[in-house]
Amino acid sequence: MSKVIQEPVATLIIVDDHPLFRGAMRQALSGGFDAGMAGIGPAKILEAGDFGELRSQLLEYPEIDLVLLDLSMPGVSGFSGLIALRAEHAATPVVIVSANDDPATIRRALELGASGFVPKSAGIETIREAISSVLRGDVWKPEDVDLATESDPEIAEILTKLSTLTPQQTRVLVMISRGLLNKQIAYELSVSEATVKAHVSAVLQKLDVDSRTQAVIQLSKLGADAISDNSVV
């Protein structure tokens, strides 16, 4: 009797700049899905080593159901990658998989739109449980972490201001944090420089700051090295 090959029912992408970690994660998840993890069935598992490669994969595979994202890697740093993904691919769930797993980081990741947060120190079964939960439409967080309301009023205010940005304004803010000039942002977004200038003005107004540098500093205050290595001058 010929073996029936099941088609993948979920497509995931592991985004981390360490090949050994990606390989270990892929192996762990493959075994779980092959065993019918949480009744989900087989999955297609992709990999990306930096944020640019992730963007390319999302264009090539629009059917991606879940992004497993490290907070720090080439192309982004801290929360800028998460913020960009939520602006560009709002319908695709993102689970943060990070070694930086203090309660404040976890809470802020969830407030910025992550569907889950898994510490890199978590065991294989915990990682599988988290991914299964998010694929079923739930939000997953570690049980032993206290995620009380943001205690820092300044951070709470920044998060509120960020929530007022449109998706396009959010993209512009992330590109500003990468050190891109208006003409470079215009090229990436396929819009005019005049449109970019309008977006930049709106971003500065909504964040209540006077310059691009101050806008990037606002991001950096969220923690987790949210500002990129390409600082704005």
C-alpha atoms as a PDB file:
ATOM      1  CA  MET A   1       0.000   0.000   0.000  1.00  0.00           C
ATOM      2  CA  SER A   2       1.427   3.361  -0.998  1.00  0.00           C
ATOM      3  CA  LYS A   3       1.987   5.886   1.754  1.00  0.00           C
ATOM      4  CA  VAL A   4      -0.309   8.894   1.712  1.00  0.00           C
ATOM      5  CA  ILE A   5       1.727  12.099   1.885  1.00  0.00           C
ATOM      6  CA  GLN A   6      -0.071  14.840   3.753  1.00  0.00           C
ATOM      7  CA  GLU A   7       0.184  18.349   2.403  1.00  0.00           C
ATOM      8  CA  PRO A   8       1.510  20.930   4.891  1.00  0.00           C
ATOM      9  CA  VAL A   9      -1.332  22.630   6.737  1.00  0.00           C
ATOM     10  CA  ALA A  10       0.809  25.435   8.171  1.00  0.00           C
ATOM     11  CA  THR A  11       3.806  27.416   6.966  1.00  0.00           C
ATOM     12  CA  LEU A  12       6.226  28.844   9.528  1.00  0.00           C
ATOM     13  CA  ILE A  13       9.416  30.851   9.205  1.00  0.00           C
ATOM     14  CA  ILE A  14      12.193  30.883  11.793  1.00  0.00           C
ATOM     15  CA  VAL A  15      14.016  34.237  11.798  1.00  0.00           C
ATOM     16  CA  ASP A  16      17.331  34.239  13.650  1.00  0.00           C
ATOM     17  CA  ASP A  17      20.895  35.111  12.661  1.00  0.00           C
ATOM     18  CA  HIS A  18      22.351  31.985  14.287  1.00  0.00           C
ATOM     19  CA  PRO A  19      22.207  29.002  11.870  1.00  0.00           C
ATOM     20  CA  LEU A  20      22.661  26.467  14.680  1.00  0.00           C
ATOM     21  CA  PHE A  21      19.655  27.839  16.555  1.00  0.00           C
ATOM     22  CA  ARG A  22      17.531  27.850  13.398  1.00  0.00           C
ATOM     23  CA  GLY A  23      18.550  24.255  12.693  1.00  0.00           C
ATOM     24  CA  ALA A  24      17.755  23.100  16.221  1.00  0.00           C
ATOM     25  CA  MET A  25      14.412  24.896  16.163  1.00  0.00           C
ATOM     26  CA  ARG A  26      13.533  23.441  12.759  1.00  0.00           C
ATOM     27  CA  GLN A  27      14.364  19.922  13.931  1.00  0.00           C
ATOM     28  CA  ALA A  28      12.339  20.334  17.106  1.00  0.00           C
ATOM     29  CA  LEU A  29       9.320  21.722  15.301  1.00  0.00           C
ATOM     30  CA  SER A  30       9.490  19.222  12.440  1.00  0.00           C
ATOM     31  CA  GLY A  31       9.309  16.357  14.900  1.00  0.00           C
ATOM     32  CA  GLY A  32       6.336  17.891  16.633  1.00  0.00           C
ATOM     33  CA  PHE A  33       4.385  18.594  13.470  1.00  0.00           C
ATOM     34  CA  ASP A  34       5.187  15.177  12.009  1.00  0.00           C
ATOM     35  CA  ALA A  35       3.632  13.709  15.144  1.00  0.00           C
ATOM     36  CA  GLY A  36       0.510  15.800  14.617  1.00  0.00           C
ATOM     37  CA  MET A  37       1.384  18.490  17.164  1.00  0.00           C
ATOM     38  CA  ALA A  38      -1.801  19.627  18.892  1.00  0.00           C
ATOM     39  CA  GLY A  39      -3.811  18.174  16.032  1.00  0.00           C
ATOM     40  CA  ILE A  40      -2.358  20.654  13.562  1.00  0.00           C
ATOM     41  CA  GLY A  41      -0.581  18.201  11.275  1.00  0.00           C
ATOM     42  CA  PRO A  42       2.485  18.618   9.027  1.00  0.00           C
ATOM     43  CA  ALA A  43       4.048  22.007   8.366  1.00  0.00           C
ATOM     44  CA  LYS A  44       6.381  23.725   5.926  1.00  0.00           C
ATOM     45  CA  ILE A  45       9.216  25.332   7.874  1.00  0.00           C
ATOM     46  CA  LEU A  46      11.282  28.123   6.288  1.00  0.00           C
ATOM     47  CA  GLU A  47      14.300  30.020   7.610  1.00  0.00           C
ATOM     48  CA  ALA A  48      15.672  33.561   7.392  1.00  0.00           C
ATOM     49  CA  GLY A  49      18.975  34.837   8.756  1.00  0.00           C
ATOM     50  CA  ASP A  50      18.145  38.542   8.775  1.00  0.00           C
ATOM     51  CA  PHE A  51      15.191  40.888   8.413  1.00  0.00           C
ATOM     52  CA  GLY A  52      15.800  41.540   4.718  1.00  0.00           C
ATOM     53  CA  GLU A  53      15.643  37.815   4.003  1.00  0.00           C
ATOM     54  CA  LEU A  54      12.427  37.583   6.034  1.00  0.00           C
ATOM     55  CA  ARG A  55      10.858  40.306   3.903  1.00  0.00           C
ATOM     56  CA  SER A  56      11.847  38.425   0.735  1.00  0.00           C
ATOM     57  CA  GLN A  57      10.390  35.186   2.088  1.00  0.00           C
ATOM     58  CA  LEU A  58       7.116  36.889   2.995  1.00  0.00           C
ATOM     59  CA  LEU A  59       6.812  38.135  -0.583  1.00  0.00           C
ATOM     60  CA  GLU A  60       7.691  34.733  -2.054  1.00  0.00           C
ATOM     61  CA  TYR A  61       5.474  32.785   0.340  1.00  0.00           C
ATOM     62  CA  PRO A  62       2.400  34.898   1.116  1.00  0.00           C
ATOM     63  CA  GLU A  63       0.841  31.820   2.721  1.00  0.00           C
ATOM     64  CA  ILE A  64       3.188  32.027   5.752  1.00  0.00           C
ATOM     65  CA  ASP A  65       1.018  31.437   8.827  1.00  0.00           C
ATOM     66  CA  LEU A  66       3.484  32.318  11.585  1.00  0.00           C
ATOM     67  CA  VAL A  67       6.754  34.212  12.044  1.00  0.00           C
ATOM     68  CA  LEU A  68       9.133  33.158  14.827  1.00  0.00           C
ATOM     69  CA  LEU A  69      11.211  36.301  15.333  1.00  0.00           C
ATOM     70  CA  ASP A  70      14.332  37.035  17.369  1.00  0.00           C
ATOM     71  CA  LEU A  71      14.461  40.574  18.766  1.00  0.00           C
ATOM     72  CA  SER A  72      18.001  41.349  17.608  1.00  0.00           C
ATOM     73  CA  MET A  73      19.543  40.505  14.267  1.00  0.00           C
ATOM     74  CA  PRO A  74      21.050  42.171  11.182  1.00  0.00           C
ATOM     75  CA  GLY A  75      18.599  44.663   9.692  1.00  0.00           C
ATOM     76  CA  VAL A  76      16.704  45.394  12.904  1.00  0.00           C
ATOM     77  CA  SER A  77      17.256  45.619  16.609  1.00  0.00           C
ATOM     78  CA  GLY A  78      14.922  45.355  19.520  1.00  0.00           C
ATOM     79  CA  PHE A  79      11.267  46.016  18.814  1.00  0.00           C
ATOM     80  CA  SER A  80      11.753  47.696  15.421  1.00  0.00           C
ATOM     81  CA  GLY A  81      11.399  44.361  13.584  1.00  0.00           C
ATOM     82  CA  LEU A  82       8.173  43.512  15.395  1.00  0.00           C
ATOM     83  CA  ILE A  83       6.789  47.004  14.820  1.00  0.00           C
ATOM     84  CA  ALA A  84       7.628  46.787  11.105  1.00  0.00           C
ATOM     85  CA  LEU A  85       6.023  43.358  10.728  1.00  0.00           C
ATOM     86  CA  ARG A  86       2.815  44.436  12.419  1.00  0.00           C
ATOM     87  CA  ALA A  87       2.642  47.412  10.045  1.00  0.00           C
ATOM     88  CA  GLU A  88       3.479  45.487   6.872  1.00  0.00           C
ATOM     89  CA  HIS A  89       1.829  42.103   7.548  1.00  0.00           C
ATOM     90  CA  ALA A  90      -0.855  42.740  10.140  1.00  0.00           C
ATOM     91  CA  ALA A  91      -2.642  39.445   9.439  1.00  0.00           C
ATOM     92  CA  THR A  92       0.450  37.281  10.046  1.00  0.00           C
ATOM     93  CA  PRO A  93       0.963  36.294  13.700  1.00  0.00           C
ATOM     94  CA  VAL A  94       4.425  36.918  15.172  1.00  0.00           C
ATOM     95  CA  VAL A  95       5.897  34.977  18.071  1.00  0.00           C
ATOM     96  CA  ILE A  96       9.003  36.480  19.657  1.00  0.00           C
ATOM     97  CA  VAL A  97      11.667  33.904  20.514  1.00  0.00           C
ATOM     98  CA  SER A  98      14.322  35.717  22.502  1.00  0.00           C
ATOM     99  CA  ALA A  99      16.990  35.318  25.156  1.00  0.00           C
ATOM    100  CA  ASN A 100      15.911  38.709  26.539  1.00  0.00           C
ATOM    101  CA  ASP A 101      12.922  37.456  28.512  1.00  0.00           C
ATOM    102  CA  ASP A 102      12.455  39.859  31.421  1.00  0.00           C
ATOM    103  CA  PRO A 103       8.788  40.672  32.229  1.00  0.00           C
ATOM    104  CA  ALA A 104       8.995  44.236  30.855  1.00  0.00           C
ATOM    105  CA  THR A 105      10.267  42.999  27.472  1.00  0.00           C
ATOM    106  CA  ILE A 106       7.594  40.317  27.259  1.00  0.00           C
ATOM    107  CA  ARG A 107       4.826  42.744  28.215  1.00  0.00           C
ATOM    108  CA  ARG A 108       5.944  45.374  25.707  1.00  0.00           C
ATOM    109  CA  ALA A 109       6.265  42.805  22.909  1.00  0.00           C
ATOM    110  CA  LEU A 110       2.679  41.702  23.476  1.00  0.00           C
ATOM    111  CA  GLU A 111       1.472  45.310  23.681  1.00  0.00           C
ATOM    112  CA  LEU A 112       3.199  46.011  20.355  1.00  0.00           C
ATOM    113  CA  GLY A 113       1.262  43.219  18.679  1.00  0.00           C
ATOM    114  CA  ALA A 114       3.155  39.957  19.193  1.00  0.00           C
ATOM    115  CA  SER A 115       0.897  36.917  19.435  1.00  0.00           C
ATOM    116  CA  GLY A 116       3.287  35.170  21.775  1.00  0.00           C
ATOM    117  CA  PHE A 117       6.642  35.336  23.520  1.00  0.00           C
ATOM    118  CA  VAL A 118       8.835  32.266  24.043  1.00  0.00           C
ATOM    119  CA  PRO A 119      12.142  32.480  25.959  1.00  0.00           C
ATOM    120  CA  LYS A 120      15.013  30.782  24.142  1.00  0.00           C
ATOM    121  CA  SER A 121      15.640  28.881  27.356  1.00  0.00           C
ATOM    122  CA  ALA A 122      12.220  27.197  27.113  1.00  0.00           C
ATOM    123  CA  GLY A 123      12.026  23.462  26.576  1.00  0.00           C
ATOM    124  CA  ILE A 124      10.942  21.880  23.303  1.00  0.00           C
ATOM    125  CA  GLU A 125       7.485  20.967  24.606  1.00  0.00           C
ATOM    126  CA  THR A 126       6.894  24.539  25.785  1.00  0.00           C
ATOM    127  CA  ILE A 127       7.899  25.922  22.381  1.00  0.00           C
ATOM    128  CA  ARG A 128       5.582  23.469  20.630  1.00  0.00           C
ATOM    129  CA  GLU A 129       2.748  24.352  23.001  1.00  0.00           C
ATOM    130  CA  ALA A 130       3.222  28.070  22.332  1.00  0.00           C
ATOM    131  CA  ILE A 131       3.235  27.671  18.557  1.00  0.00           C
ATOM    132  CA  SER A 132       0.213  25.357  18.582  1.00  0.00           C
ATOM    133  CA  SER A 133      -1.672  27.852  20.739  1.00  0.00           C
ATOM    134  CA  VAL A 134      -0.920  30.799  18.446  1.00  0.00           C
ATOM    135  CA  LEU A 135      -1.803  28.818  15.311  1.00  0.00           C
ATOM    136  CA  ARG A 136      -5.173  28.124  16.924  1.00  0.00           C
ATOM    137  CA  GLY A 137      -5.659  31.875  17.290  1.00  0.00           C
ATOM    138  CA  ASP A 138      -4.671  32.346  20.930  1.00  0.00           C
ATOM    139  CA  VAL A 139      -2.041  34.589  22.517  1.00  0.00           C
ATOM    140  CA  TRP A 140       0.666  32.715  24.434  1.00  0.00           C
ATOM    141  CA  LYS A 141       2.937  33.927  27.229  1.00  0.00           C
ATOM    142  CA  PRO A 142       5.013  32.154  29.897  1.00  0.00           C
ATOM    143  CA  GLU A 143       2.832  31.174  32.852  1.00  0.00           C
ATOM    144  CA  ASP A 144       5.326  32.197  35.530  1.00  0.00           C
ATOM    145  CA  VAL A 145       5.793  35.792  34.334  1.00  0.00           C
ATOM    146  CA  ASP A 146       3.920  38.675  35.939  1.00  0.00           C
ATOM    147  CA  LEU A 147       2.641  40.892  33.144  1.00  0.00           C
ATOM    148  CA  ALA A 148       0.999  43.565  35.229  1.00  0.00           C
ATOM    149  CA  THR A 149       0.086  46.886  33.642  1.00  0.00           C
ATOM    150  CA  GLU A 150       3.041  48.988  32.503  1.00  0.00           C
ATOM    151  CA  SER A 151       4.382  50.675  35.631  1.00  0.00           C
ATOM    152  CA  ASP A 152       6.490  53.276  33.834  1.00  0.00           C
ATOM    153  CA  PRO A 153       4.181  56.157  32.831  1.00  0.00           C
ATOM    154  CA  GLU A 154       6.653  57.407  30.211  1.00  0.00           C
ATOM    155  CA  ILE A 155       6.747  54.002  28.476  1.00  0.00           C
ATOM    156  CA  ALA A 156       2.970  53.714  28.675  1.00  0.00           C
ATOM    157  CA  GLU A 157       2.674  57.112  26.986  1.00  0.00           C
ATOM    158  CA  ILE A 158       5.106  56.110  24.204  1.00  0.00           C
ATOM    159  CA  LEU A 159       3.162  52.897  23.542  1.00  0.00           C
ATOM    160  CA  THR A 160      -0.061  54.903  23.350  1.00  0.00           C
ATOM    161  CA  LYS A 161       1.498  57.342  20.871  1.00  0.00           C
ATOM    162  CA  LEU A 162       2.837  54.506  18.700  1.00  0.00           C
ATOM    163  CA  SER A 163      -0.643  53.012  18.552  1.00  0.00           C
ATOM    164  CA  THR A 164      -1.902  56.193  16.841  1.00  0.00           C
ATOM    165  CA  LEU A 165       0.427  55.785  13.841  1.00  0.00           C
ATOM    166  CA  THR A 166      -0.986  54.448  10.601  1.00  0.00           C
ATOM    167  CA  PRO A 167       0.721  51.374   9.079  1.00  0.00           C
ATOM    168  CA  GLN A 168       2.530  53.586   6.545  1.00  0.00           C
ATOM    169  CA  GLN A 169       3.645  56.029   9.232  1.00  0.00           C
ATOM    170  CA  THR A 170       4.918  53.092  11.275  1.00  0.00           C
ATOM    171  CA  ARG A 171       6.938  51.858   8.286  1.00  0.00           C
ATOM    172  CA  VAL A 172       8.438  55.333   7.927  1.00  0.00           C
ATOM    173  CA  LEU A 173       9.346  55.441  11.619  1.00  0.00           C
ATOM    174  CA  VAL A 174      11.115  52.076  11.408  1.00  0.00           C
ATOM    175  CA  MET A 175      13.042  53.240   8.338  1.00  0.00           C
ATOM    176  CA  ILE A 176      14.019  56.422  10.177  1.00  0.00           C
ATOM    177  CA  SER A 177      15.374  54.224  12.969  1.00  0.00           C
ATOM    178  CA  ARG A 178      17.451  52.401  10.338  1.00  0.00           C
ATOM    179  CA  GLY A 179      19.035  55.724   9.372  1.00  0.00           C
ATOM    180  CA  LEU A 180      17.414  55.980   5.936  1.00  0.00           C
ATOM    181  CA  LEU A 181      17.100  59.369   4.242  1.00  0.00           C
ATOM    182  CA  ASN A 182      13.798  60.582   2.817  1.00  0.00           C
ATOM    183  CA  LYS A 183      14.820  59.683  -0.741  1.00  0.00           C
ATOM    184  CA  GLN A 184      15.754  56.165   0.375  1.00  0.00           C
ATOM    185  CA  ILE A 185      12.448  55.760   2.201  1.00  0.00           C
ATOM    186  CA  ALA A 186      10.614  57.021  -0.875  1.00  0.00           C
ATOM    187  CA  TYR A 187      12.382  54.412  -3.010  1.00  0.00           C
ATOM    188  CA  GLU A 188      11.562  51.548  -0.642  1.00  0.00           C
ATOM    189  CA  LEU A 189       7.909  52.574  -0.340  1.00  0.00           C
ATOM    190  CA  SER A 190       7.537  53.518  -4.025  1.00  0.00           C
ATOM    191  CA  VAL A 191       6.190  56.965  -3.156  1.00  0.00           C
ATOM    192  CA  SER A 192       7.394  60.525  -3.718  1.00  0.00           C
ATOM    193  CA  GLU A 193       9.748  62.352  -1.384  1.00  0.00           C
ATOM    194  CA  ALA A 194       6.970  64.842  -0.748  1.00  0.00           C
ATOM    195  CA  THR A 195       4.777  62.010   0.531  1.00  0.00           C
ATOM    196  CA  VAL A 196       7.585  60.803   2.788  1.00  0.00           C
ATOM    197  CA  LYS A 197       8.078  64.309   4.175  1.00  0.00           C
ATOM    198  CA  ALA A 198       4.371  64.434   4.988  1.00  0.00           C
ATOM    199  CA  HIS A 199       4.582  61.077   6.760  1.00  0.00           C
ATOM    200  CA  VAL A 200       7.674  62.166   8.710  1.00  0.00           C
ATOM    201  CA  SER A 201       5.913  65.348   9.824  1.00  0.00           C
ATOM    202  CA  ALA A 202       2.892  63.318  10.953  1.00  0.00           C
ATOM    203  CA  VAL A 203       5.106  60.873  12.856  1.00  0.00           C
ATOM    204  CA  LEU A 204       6.933  63.669  14.673  1.00  0.00           C
ATOM    205  CA  GLN A 205       3.648  65.352  15.541  1.00  0.00           C
ATOM    206  CA  LYS A 206       2.033  62.161  16.873  1.00  0.00           C
ATOM    207  CA  LEU A 207       5.118  61.287  18.917  1.00  0.00           C
ATOM    208  CA  ASP A 208       5.264  64.891  20.129  1.00  0.00           C
ATOM    209  CA  VAL A 209       8.929  65.344  19.176  1.00  0.00           C
ATOM    210  CA  ASP A 210      10.807  67.931  17.105  1.00  0.00           C
ATOM    211  CA  SER A 211      13.303  65.813  15.171  1.00  0.00           C
ATOM    212  CA  ARG A 212      13.977  62.415  13.646  1.00  0.00           C
ATOM    213  CA  THR A 213      16.639  61.797  16.290  1.00  0.00           C
ATOM    214  CA  GLN A 214      14.132  62.381  19.068  1.00  0.00           C
ATOM    215  CA  ALA A 215      11.701  59.971  17.382  1.00  0.00           C
ATOM    216  CA  VAL A 216      14.353  57.242  17.375  1.00  0.00           C
ATOM    217  CA  ILE A 217      15.135  57.978  21.020  1.00  0.00           C
ATOM    218  CA  GLN A 218      11.466  57.381  21.802  1.00  0.00           C
ATOM    219  CA  LEU A 219      11.796  53.890  20.331  1.00  0.00           C
ATOM    220  CA  SER A 220      14.984  53.249  22.264  1.00  0.00           C
ATOM    221  CA  LYS A 221      13.209  53.954  25.535  1.00  0.00           C
ATOM    222  CA  LEU A 222      11.078  50.851  25.027  1.00  0.00           C
ATOM    223  CA  GLY A 223      14.116  48.754  25.892  1.00  0.00           C
ATOM    224  CA  ALA A 224      15.472  45.570  24.295  1.00  0.00           C
ATOM    225  CA  ASP A 225      17.893  47.740  22.292  1.00  0.00           C
ATOM    226  CA  ALA A 226      14.990  49.052  20.236  1.00  0.00           C
ATOM    227  CA  ILE A 227      17.149  51.570  18.399  1.00  0.00           C
ATOM    228  CA  SER A 228      19.061  50.184  15.440  1.00  0.00           C
ATOM    229  CA  ASP A 229      22.821  50.366  15.030  1.00  0.00           C
ATOM    230  CA  ASN A 230      22.388  52.981  12.282  1.00  0.00           C
ATOM    231  CA  SER A 231      21.598  55.977  14.451  1.00  0.00           C
ATOM    232  CA  VAL A 232      20.081  59.105  12.969  1.00  0.00           C
ATOM    233  CA  VAL A 233      21.968  62.376  13.075  1.00  0.00           C
END
